[in-house]
Amino acid sequence: MDDLRYQITGSYGMLIVDDIGKVVECRDNADATDEDNYRDIARVDVDEYAKHYGQMESTDILDIGYWNADGLYEPPEPDFRTTVAADTKKS
């Protein structure tokens, strides 16, 4: 198994995930609350992300799907991806 780690960041903190998407660390920031945080995220969808962009890399939480501890899947935010695509075309 590879020892790659990726940072998934957002308004409430940062997740450190391994090469298969398992959350190995969750770091809250000052905006995190008991209701709004990333502590319930168990795994991110590295396969879908890599399929969409060509490879896995550190990214924003809105740009990657994830499963919470209850097994519910939250897909990537489509509006965020549209913005990323538009920004990429400008550069």
PDB file of N, CA and C in Angstrom:
ATOM      1  N   MET A   1       0.846  -1.190   0.000  1.00  0.00           N
ATOM      2  CA  MET A   1       0.000   0.000   0.000  1.00  0.00           C
ATOM      3  C   MET A   1       0.884   1.243   0.000  1.00  0.00           C
ATOM      4  N   ASP A   2       0.459   2.231  -0.711  1.00  0.00           N
ATOM      5  CA  ASP A   2       1.186   3.490  -0.833  1.00  0.00           C
ATOM      6  C   ASP A   2       0.956   4.339   0.418  1.00  0.00           C
ATOM      7  N   ASP A   3       1.889   5.198   0.751  1.00  0.00           N
ATOM      8  CA  ASP A   3       1.758   6.075   1.912  1.00  0.00           C
ATOM      9  C   ASP A   3       1.342   7.483   1.518  1.00  0.00           C
ATOM     10  N   LEU A   4       0.718   7.640   0.363  1.00  0.00           N
ATOM     11  CA  LEU A   4       0.279   8.960  -0.081  1.00  0.00           C
ATOM     12  C   LEU A   4      -0.782   9.504   0.857  1.00  0.00           C
ATOM     13  N   ARG A   5      -0.736  10.795   1.087  1.00  0.00           N
ATOM     14  CA  ARG A   5      -1.744  11.481   1.886  1.00  0.00           C
ATOM     15  C   ARG A   5      -2.198  12.715   1.123  1.00  0.00           C
ATOM     16  N   TYR A   6      -3.474  13.022   1.241  1.00  0.00           N
ATOM     17  CA  TYR A   6      -4.049  14.188   0.578  1.00  0.00           C
ATOM     18  C   TYR A   6      -4.793  15.034   1.599  1.00  0.00           C
ATOM     19  N   GLN A   7      -4.799  16.334   1.384  1.00  0.00           N
ATOM     20  CA  GLN A   7      -5.539  17.263   2.241  1.00  0.00           C
ATOM     21  C   GLN A   7      -6.839  17.643   1.540  1.00  0.00           C
ATOM     22  N   ILE A   8      -7.933  17.487   2.264  1.00  0.00           N
ATOM     23  CA  ILE A   8      -9.240  17.906   1.777  1.00  0.00           C
ATOM     24  C   ILE A   8      -9.657  19.049   2.700  1.00  0.00           C
ATOM     25  N   THR A   9      -9.756  20.258   2.170  1.00  0.00           N
ATOM     26  CA  THR A   9     -10.000  21.429   3.001  1.00  0.00           C
ATOM     27  C   THR A   9     -11.360  22.043   2.737  1.00  0.00           C
ATOM     28  N   GLY A  10     -11.842  22.774   3.719  1.00  0.00           N
ATOM     29  CA  GLY A  10     -13.114  23.461   3.596  1.00  0.00           C
ATOM     30  C   GLY A  10     -13.303  24.468   4.711  1.00  0.00           C
ATOM     31  N   SER A  11     -14.482  25.012   4.793  1.00  0.00           N
ATOM     32  CA  SER A  11     -14.787  26.077   5.749  1.00  0.00           C
ATOM     33  C   SER A  11     -14.640  25.652   7.207  1.00  0.00           C
ATOM     34  N   TYR A  12     -14.795  24.353   7.473  1.00  0.00           N
ATOM     35  CA  TYR A  12     -14.785  23.890   8.862  1.00  0.00           C
ATOM     36  C   TYR A  12     -13.505  23.186   9.271  1.00  0.00           C
ATOM     37  N   GLY A  13     -12.527  23.115   8.364  1.00  0.00           N
ATOM     38  CA  GLY A  13     -11.269  22.488   8.735  1.00  0.00           C
ATOM     39  C   GLY A  13     -10.652  21.714   7.599  1.00  0.00           C
ATOM     40  N   MET A  14      -9.951  20.636   7.970  1.00  0.00           N
ATOM     41  CA  MET A  14      -9.203  19.866   6.993  1.00  0.00           C
ATOM     42  C   MET A  14      -9.249  18.383   7.349  1.00  0.00           C
ATOM     43  N   LEU A  15      -9.355  17.562   6.314  1.00  0.00           N
ATOM     44  CA  LEU A  15      -9.231  16.123   6.460  1.00  0.00           C
ATOM     45  C   LEU A  15      -7.916  15.699   5.830  1.00  0.00           C
ATOM     46  N   ILE A  16      -7.240  14.761   6.453  1.00  0.00           N
ATOM     47  CA  ILE A  16      -6.093  14.100   5.844  1.00  0.00           C
ATOM     48  C   ILE A  16      -6.590  12.706   5.474  1.00  0.00           C
ATOM     49  N   VAL A  17      -6.466  12.351   4.198  1.00  0.00           N
ATOM     50  CA  VAL A  17      -6.937  11.047   3.735  1.00  0.00           C
ATOM     51  C   VAL A  17      -5.789  10.283   3.089  1.00  0.00           C
ATOM     52  N   ASP A  18      -5.904   8.946   3.139  1.00  0.00           N
ATOM     53  CA  ASP A  18      -4.868   8.130   2.508  1.00  0.00           C
ATOM     54  C   ASP A  18      -5.200   7.889   1.035  1.00  0.00           C
ATOM     55  N   ASP A  19      -4.402   7.069   0.373  1.00  0.00           N
ATOM     56  CA  ASP A  19      -4.546   6.872  -1.070  1.00  0.00           C
ATOM     57  C   ASP A  19      -5.834   6.154  -1.463  1.00  0.00           C
ATOM     58  N   ILE A  20      -6.539   5.527  -0.530  1.00  0.00           N
ATOM     59  CA  ILE A  20      -7.826   4.904  -0.854  1.00  0.00           C
ATOM     60  C   ILE A  20      -9.001   5.735  -0.339  1.00  0.00           C
ATOM     61  N   GLY A  21      -8.709   6.915   0.222  1.00  0.00           N
ATOM     62  CA  GLY A  21      -9.750   7.840   0.641  1.00  0.00           C
ATOM     63  C   GLY A  21     -10.165   7.757   2.100  1.00  0.00           C
ATOM     64  N   LYS A  22      -9.580   6.855   2.852  1.00  0.00           N
ATOM     65  CA  LYS A  22      -9.917   6.729   4.269  1.00  0.00           C
ATOM     66  C   LYS A  22      -9.396   7.940   5.046  1.00  0.00           C
ATOM     67  N   VAL A  23     -10.263   8.524   5.870  1.00  0.00           N
ATOM     68  CA  VAL A  23      -9.861   9.673   6.682  1.00  0.00           C
ATOM     69  C   VAL A  23      -8.947   9.177   7.794  1.00  0.00           C
ATOM     70  N   VAL A  24      -7.726   9.716   7.830  1.00  0.00           N
ATOM     71  CA  VAL A  24      -6.781   9.329   8.876  1.00  0.00           C
ATOM     72  C   VAL A  24      -6.638  10.414   9.934  1.00  0.00           C
ATOM     73  N   GLU A  25      -7.104  11.627   9.613  1.00  0.00           N
ATOM     74  CA  GLU A  25      -7.059  12.727  10.581  1.00  0.00           C
ATOM     75  C   GLU A  25      -8.080  13.786  10.196  1.00  0.00           C
ATOM     76  N   CYS A  26      -8.731  14.361  11.190  1.00  0.00           N
ATOM     77  CA  CYS A  26      -9.670  15.456  10.988  1.00  0.00           C
ATOM     78  C   CYS A  26      -9.232  16.611  11.874  1.00  0.00           C
ATOM     79  N   ARG A  27      -8.992  17.748  11.260  1.00  0.00           N
ATOM     80  CA  ARG A  27      -8.568  18.943  12.002  1.00  0.00           C
ATOM     81  C   ARG A  27      -9.636  20.024  11.850  1.00  0.00           C
ATOM     82  N   ASP A  28     -10.317  20.326  12.956  1.00  0.00           N
ATOM     83  CA  ASP A  28     -11.310  21.408  12.944  1.00  0.00           C
ATOM     84  C   ASP A  28     -10.605  22.758  12.914  1.00  0.00           C
ATOM     85  N   ASN A  29     -11.272  23.755  12.345  1.00  0.00           N
ATOM     86  CA  ASN A  29     -10.772  25.118  12.476  1.00  0.00           C
ATOM     87  C   ASN A  29     -11.748  25.913  13.345  1.00  0.00           C
ATOM     88  N   ALA A  30     -11.541  27.193  13.472  1.00  0.00           N
ATOM     89  CA  ALA A  30     -12.336  28.030  14.375  1.00  0.00           C
ATOM     90  C   ALA A  30     -13.813  28.096  13.968  1.00  0.00           C
ATOM     91  N   ASP A  31     -14.139  27.850  12.701  1.00  0.00           N
ATOM     92  CA  ASP A  31     -15.528  27.912  12.246  1.00  0.00           C
ATOM     93  C   ASP A  31     -16.314  26.633  12.509  1.00  0.00           C
ATOM     94  N   ALA A  32     -15.651  25.560  12.887  1.00  0.00           N
ATOM     95  CA  ALA A  32     -16.333  24.289  13.135  1.00  0.00           C
ATOM     96  C   ALA A  32     -17.154  24.380  14.421  1.00  0.00           C
ATOM     97  N   THR A  33     -18.337  23.771  14.373  1.00  0.00           N
ATOM     98  CA  THR A  33     -19.207  23.696  15.553  1.00  0.00           C
ATOM     99  C   THR A  33     -19.598  22.238  15.755  1.00  0.00           C
ATOM    100  N   ASP A  34     -20.403  21.969  16.778  1.00  0.00           N
ATOM    101  CA  ASP A  34     -20.867  20.600  16.986  1.00  0.00           C
ATOM    102  C   ASP A  34     -21.722  20.108  15.824  1.00  0.00           C
ATOM    103  N   GLU A  35     -22.459  21.002  15.171  1.00  0.00           N
ATOM    104  CA  GLU A  35     -23.303  20.623  14.048  1.00  0.00           C
ATOM    105  C   GLU A  35     -22.586  20.720  12.705  1.00  0.00           C
ATOM    106  N   ASP A  36     -21.743  21.720  12.541  1.00  0.00           N
ATOM    107  CA  ASP A  36     -21.062  21.970  11.275  1.00  0.00           C
ATOM    108  C   ASP A  36     -19.580  21.660  11.410  1.00  0.00           C
ATOM    109  N   ASN A  37     -19.206  20.481  10.921  1.00  0.00           N
ATOM    110  CA  ASN A  37     -17.812  20.036  10.974  1.00  0.00           C
ATOM    111  C   ASN A  37     -17.648  18.874  10.004  1.00  0.00           C
ATOM    112  N   TYR A  38     -16.451  18.338   9.925  1.00  0.00           N
ATOM    113  CA  TYR A  38     -16.178  17.210   9.030  1.00  0.00           C
ATOM    114  C   TYR A  38     -15.921  15.915   9.791  1.00  0.00           C
ATOM    115  N   ARG A  39     -16.204  15.897  11.092  1.00  0.00           N
ATOM    116  CA  ARG A  39     -15.888  14.737  11.931  1.00  0.00           C
ATOM    117  C   ARG A  39     -16.641  13.479  11.539  1.00  0.00           C
ATOM    118  N   ASP A  40     -17.776  13.607  10.847  1.00  0.00           N
ATOM    119  CA  ASP A  40     -18.597  12.452  10.490  1.00  0.00           C
ATOM    120  C   ASP A  40     -18.208  11.855   9.130  1.00  0.00           C
ATOM    121  N   ILE A  41     -17.246  12.440   8.462  1.00  0.00           N
ATOM    122  CA  ILE A  41     -16.827  11.918   7.153  1.00  0.00           C
ATOM    123  C   ILE A  41     -15.848  10.767   7.376  1.00  0.00           C
ATOM    124  N   ALA A  42     -16.192   9.609   6.819  1.00  0.00           N
ATOM    125  CA  ALA A  42     -15.366   8.415   7.006  1.00  0.00           C
ATOM    126  C   ALA A  42     -14.399   8.180   5.852  1.00  0.00           C
ATOM    127  N   ARG A  43     -14.860   8.491   4.632  1.00  0.00           N
ATOM    128  CA  ARG A  43     -14.044   8.210   3.452  1.00  0.00           C
ATOM    129  C   ARG A  43     -14.444   9.144   2.329  1.00  0.00           C
ATOM    130  N   VAL A  44     -13.470   9.554   1.526  1.00  0.00           N
ATOM    131  CA  VAL A  44     -13.748  10.380   0.349  1.00  0.00           C
ATOM    132  C   VAL A  44     -13.596   9.523  -0.900  1.00  0.00           C
ATOM    133  N   ASP A  45     -14.251   9.951  -1.973  1.00  0.00           N
ATOM    134  CA  ASP A  45     -14.328   9.181  -3.211  1.00  0.00           C
ATOM    135  C   ASP A  45     -13.155   9.500  -4.134  1.00  0.00           C
ATOM    136  N   VAL A  46     -11.995   8.933  -3.806  1.00  0.00           N
ATOM    137  CA  VAL A  46     -10.796   9.197  -4.605  1.00  0.00           C
ATOM    138  C   VAL A  46     -10.933   8.646  -6.025  1.00  0.00           C
ATOM    139  N   ASP A  47     -11.677   7.559  -6.197  1.00  0.00           N
ATOM    140  CA  ASP A  47     -11.835   6.977  -7.535  1.00  0.00           C
ATOM    141  C   ASP A  47     -12.609   7.914  -8.459  1.00  0.00           C
ATOM    142  N   GLU A  48     -13.721   8.449  -7.985  1.00  0.00           N
ATOM    143  CA  GLU A  48     -14.509   9.369  -8.813  1.00  0.00           C
ATOM    144  C   GLU A  48     -13.712  10.631  -9.113  1.00  0.00           C
ATOM    145  N   TYR A  49     -13.014  11.165  -8.109  1.00  0.00           N
ATOM    146  CA  TYR A  49     -12.215  12.375  -8.297  1.00  0.00           C
ATOM    147  C   TYR A  49     -11.133  12.132  -9.363  1.00  0.00           C
ATOM    148  N   ALA A  50     -10.408  11.027  -9.229  1.00  0.00           N
ATOM    149  CA  ALA A  50      -9.344  10.715 -10.189  1.00  0.00           C
ATOM    150  C   ALA A  50      -9.911  10.477 -11.589  1.00  0.00           C
ATOM    151  N   LYS A  51     -11.080   9.875 -11.676  1.00  0.00           N
ATOM    152  CA  LYS A  51     -11.717   9.664 -12.979  1.00  0.00           C
ATOM    153  C   LYS A  51     -12.093  11.007 -13.617  1.00  0.00           C
ATOM    154  N   HIS A  52     -12.591  11.924 -12.797  1.00  0.00           N
ATOM    155  CA  HIS A  52     -13.016  13.229 -13.303  1.00  0.00           C
ATOM    156  C   HIS A  52     -11.825  14.107 -13.710  1.00  0.00           C
ATOM    157  N   TYR A  53     -10.773  14.125 -12.882  1.00  0.00           N
ATOM    158  CA  TYR A  53      -9.639  15.033 -13.112  1.00  0.00           C
ATOM    159  C   TYR A  53      -8.381  14.362 -13.665  1.00  0.00           C
ATOM    160  N   GLY A  54      -8.350  13.032 -13.692  1.00  0.00           N
ATOM    161  CA  GLY A  54      -7.177  12.347 -14.212  1.00  0.00           C
ATOM    162  C   GLY A  54      -6.249  11.799 -13.145  1.00  0.00           C
ATOM    163  N   GLN A  55      -6.301  12.353 -11.954  1.00  0.00           N
ATOM    164  CA  GLN A  55      -5.502  11.862 -10.825  1.00  0.00           C
ATOM    165  C   GLN A  55      -6.031  12.460  -9.530  1.00  0.00           C
ATOM    166  N   MET A  56      -5.707  11.819  -8.435  1.00  0.00           N
ATOM    167  CA  MET A  56      -6.101  12.342  -7.126  1.00  0.00           C
ATOM    168  C   MET A  56      -5.077  13.367  -6.688  1.00  0.00           C
ATOM    169  N   GLU A  57      -5.550  14.426  -6.037  1.00  0.00           N
ATOM    170  CA  GLU A  57      -4.688  15.452  -5.466  1.00  0.00           C
ATOM    171  C   GLU A  57      -5.441  16.117  -4.323  1.00  0.00           C
ATOM    172  N   SER A  58      -4.757  16.907  -3.533  1.00  0.00           N
ATOM    173  CA  SER A  58      -5.414  17.651  -2.469  1.00  0.00           C
ATOM    174  C   SER A  58      -6.426  18.604  -3.090  1.00  0.00           C
ATOM    175  N   THR A  59      -7.572  18.786  -2.418  1.00  0.00           N
ATOM    176  CA  THR A  59      -8.649  19.567  -3.026  1.00  0.00           C
ATOM    177  C   THR A  59      -9.587  20.141  -1.978  1.00  0.00           C
ATOM    178  N   ASP A  60     -10.582  20.855  -2.440  1.00  0.00           N
ATOM    179  CA  ASP A  60     -11.636  21.412  -1.600  1.00  0.00           C
ATOM    180  C   ASP A  60     -12.707  20.355  -1.341  1.00  0.00           C
ATOM    181  N   ILE A  61     -13.301  20.368  -0.175  1.00  0.00           N
ATOM    182  CA  ILE A  61     -14.343  19.409   0.191  1.00  0.00           C
ATOM    183  C   ILE A  61     -15.524  19.448  -0.777  1.00  0.00           C
ATOM    184  N   LEU A  62     -15.795  20.599  -1.381  1.00  0.00           N
ATOM    185  CA  LEU A  62     -16.910  20.700  -2.318  1.00  0.00           C
ATOM    186  C   LEU A  62     -16.636  19.998  -3.645  1.00  0.00           C
ATOM    187  N   ASP A  63     -15.374  19.675  -3.906  1.00  0.00           N
ATOM    188  CA  ASP A  63     -14.966  19.110  -5.185  1.00  0.00           C
ATOM    189  C   ASP A  63     -14.827  17.593  -5.164  1.00  0.00           C
ATOM    190  N   ILE A  64     -15.173  16.967  -4.037  1.00  0.00           N
ATOM    191  CA  ILE A  64     -15.006  15.519  -3.925  1.00  0.00           C
ATOM    192  C   ILE A  64     -16.191  14.919  -3.178  1.00  0.00           C
ATOM    193  N   GLY A  65     -16.650  13.772  -3.650  1.00  0.00           N
ATOM    194  CA  GLY A  65     -17.723  13.071  -2.955  1.00  0.00           C
ATOM    195  C   GLY A  65     -17.175  12.372  -1.719  1.00  0.00           C
ATOM    196  N   TYR A  66     -18.078  12.058  -0.784  1.00  0.00           N
ATOM    197  CA  TYR A  66     -17.637  11.358   0.422  1.00  0.00           C
ATOM    198  C   TYR A  66     -18.776  10.564   1.044  1.00  0.00           C
ATOM    199  N   TRP A  67     -18.389   9.610   1.884  1.00  0.00           N
ATOM    200  CA  TRP A  67     -19.332   8.829   2.670  1.00  0.00           C
ATOM    201  C   TRP A  67     -19.195   9.235   4.126  1.00  0.00           C
ATOM    202  N   ASN A  68     -20.332   9.410   4.799  1.00  0.00           N
ATOM    203  CA  ASN A  68     -20.262   9.705   6.222  1.00  0.00           C
ATOM    204  C   ASN A  68     -20.207   8.393   7.010  1.00  0.00           C
ATOM    205  N   ALA A  69     -20.134   8.485   8.309  1.00  0.00           N
ATOM    206  CA  ALA A  69     -20.004   7.303   9.165  1.00  0.00           C
ATOM    207  C   ALA A  69     -21.209   6.369   9.052  1.00  0.00           C
ATOM    208  N   ASP A  70     -22.365   6.891   8.655  1.00  0.00           N
ATOM    209  CA  ASP A  70     -23.571   6.071   8.482  1.00  0.00           C
ATOM    210  C   ASP A  70     -23.645   5.427   7.094  1.00  0.00           C
ATOM    211  N   GLY A  71     -22.647   5.677   6.250  1.00  0.00           N
ATOM    212  CA  GLY A  71     -22.617   5.092   4.918  1.00  0.00           C
ATOM    213  C   GLY A  71     -23.359   5.881   3.863  1.00  0.00           C
ATOM    214  N   LEU A  72     -23.863   7.061   4.203  1.00  0.00           N
ATOM    215  CA  LEU A  72     -24.564   7.898   3.232  1.00  0.00           C
ATOM    216  C   LEU A  72     -23.547   8.631   2.362  1.00  0.00           C
ATOM    217  N   TYR A  73     -23.813   8.661   1.052  1.00  0.00           N
ATOM    218  CA  TYR A  73     -22.900   9.291   0.111  1.00  0.00           C
ATOM    219  C   TYR A  73     -23.350  10.713  -0.200  1.00  0.00           C
ATOM    220  N   GLU A  74     -22.415  11.625  -0.135  1.00  0.00           N
ATOM    221  CA  GLU A  74     -22.649  13.022  -0.518  1.00  0.00           C
ATOM    222  C   GLU A  74     -21.788  13.280  -1.756  1.00  0.00           C
ATOM    223  N   PRO A  75     -22.413  13.509  -2.915  1.00  0.00           N
ATOM    224  CA  PRO A  75     -21.629  13.712  -4.140  1.00  0.00           C
ATOM    225  C   PRO A  75     -20.925  15.069  -4.151  1.00  0.00           C
ATOM    226  N   PRO A  76     -19.973  15.235  -5.075  1.00  0.00           N
ATOM    227  CA  PRO A  76     -19.336  16.545  -5.234  1.00  0.00           C
ATOM    228  C   PRO A  76     -20.387  17.595  -5.570  1.00  0.00           C
ATOM    229  N   GLU A  77     -20.124  18.827  -5.201  1.00  0.00           N
ATOM    230  CA  GLU A  77     -21.042  19.938  -5.471  1.00  0.00           C
ATOM    231  C   GLU A  77     -20.919  20.339  -6.946  1.00  0.00           C
ATOM    232  N   PRO A  78     -21.978  20.135  -7.748  1.00  0.00           N
ATOM    233  CA  PRO A  78     -21.882  20.423  -9.188  1.00  0.00           C
ATOM    234  C   PRO A  78     -21.563  21.879  -9.511  1.00  0.00           C
ATOM    235  N   ASP A  79     -22.112  22.823  -8.758  1.00  0.00           N
ATOM    236  CA  ASP A  79     -21.819  24.237  -9.027  1.00  0.00           C
ATOM    237  C   ASP A  79     -20.344  24.551  -8.793  1.00  0.00           C
ATOM    238  N   PHE A  80     -19.756  23.929  -7.785  1.00  0.00           N
ATOM    239  CA  PHE A  80     -18.332  24.137  -7.525  1.00  0.00           C
ATOM    240  C   PHE A  80     -17.509  23.609  -8.693  1.00  0.00           C
ATOM    241  N   ARG A  81     -17.855  22.425  -9.167  1.00  0.00           N
ATOM    242  CA  ARG A  81     -17.108  21.852 -10.296  1.00  0.00           C
ATOM    243  C   ARG A  81     -17.254  22.687 -11.552  1.00  0.00           C
ATOM    244  N   THR A  82     -18.418  23.279 -11.762  1.00  0.00           N
ATOM    245  CA  THR A  82     -18.620  24.161 -12.911  1.00  0.00           C
ATOM    246  C   THR A  82     -17.695  25.368 -12.804  1.00  0.00           C
ATOM    247  N   THR A  83     -17.578  25.922 -11.609  1.00  0.00           N
ATOM    248  CA  THR A  83     -16.687  27.060 -11.371  1.00  0.00           C
ATOM    249  C   THR A  83     -15.233  26.672 -11.602  1.00  0.00           C
ATOM    250  N   VAL A  84     -14.837  25.491 -11.121  1.00  0.00           N
ATOM    251  CA  VAL A  84     -13.467  25.009 -11.330  1.00  0.00           C
ATOM    252  C   VAL A  84     -13.190  24.861 -12.818  1.00  0.00           C
ATOM    253  N   ALA A  85     -14.130  24.287 -13.559  1.00  0.00           N
ATOM    254  CA  ALA A  85     -13.945  24.112 -15.006  1.00  0.00           C
ATOM    255  C   ALA A  85     -13.819  25.461 -15.713  1.00  0.00           C
ATOM    256  N   ALA A  86     -14.644  26.426 -15.319  1.00  0.00           N
ATOM    257  CA  ALA A  86     -14.586  27.761 -15.933  1.00  0.00           C
ATOM    258  C   ALA A  86     -13.249  28.436 -15.619  1.00  0.00           C
ATOM    259  N   ASP A  87     -12.792  28.315 -14.380  1.00  0.00           N
ATOM    260  CA  ASP A  87     -11.511  28.911 -13.988  1.00  0.00           C
ATOM    261  C   ASP A  87     -10.345  28.265 -14.727  1.00  0.00           C
ATOM    262  N   THR A  88     -10.440  26.961 -14.954  1.00  0.00           N
ATOM    263  CA  THR A  88      -9.376  26.250 -15.663  1.00  0.00           C
ATOM    264  C   THR A  88      -9.281  26.725 -17.110  1.00  0.00           C
ATOM    265  N   LYS A  89     -10.415  26.960 -17.738  1.00  0.00           N
ATOM    266  CA  LYS A  89     -10.421  27.441 -19.127  1.00  0.00           C
ATOM    267  C   LYS A  89      -9.820  28.832 -19.249  1.00  0.00           C
ATOM    268  N   LYS A  90      -9.970  29.665 -18.194  1.00  0.00           N
ATOM    269  CA  LYS A  90      -9.422  31.030 -18.223  1.00  0.00           C
ATOM    270  C   LYS A  90      -7.915  31.027 -18.117  1.00  0.00           C
ATOM    271  N   SER A  91      -7.334  30.020 -17.454  1.00  0.00           N
ATOM    272  CA  SER A  91      -5.887  30.032 -17.258  1.00  0.00           C
ATOM    273  C   SER A  91      -5.136  29.393 -18.385  1.00  0.00           C
TER     274      SER A  91
END
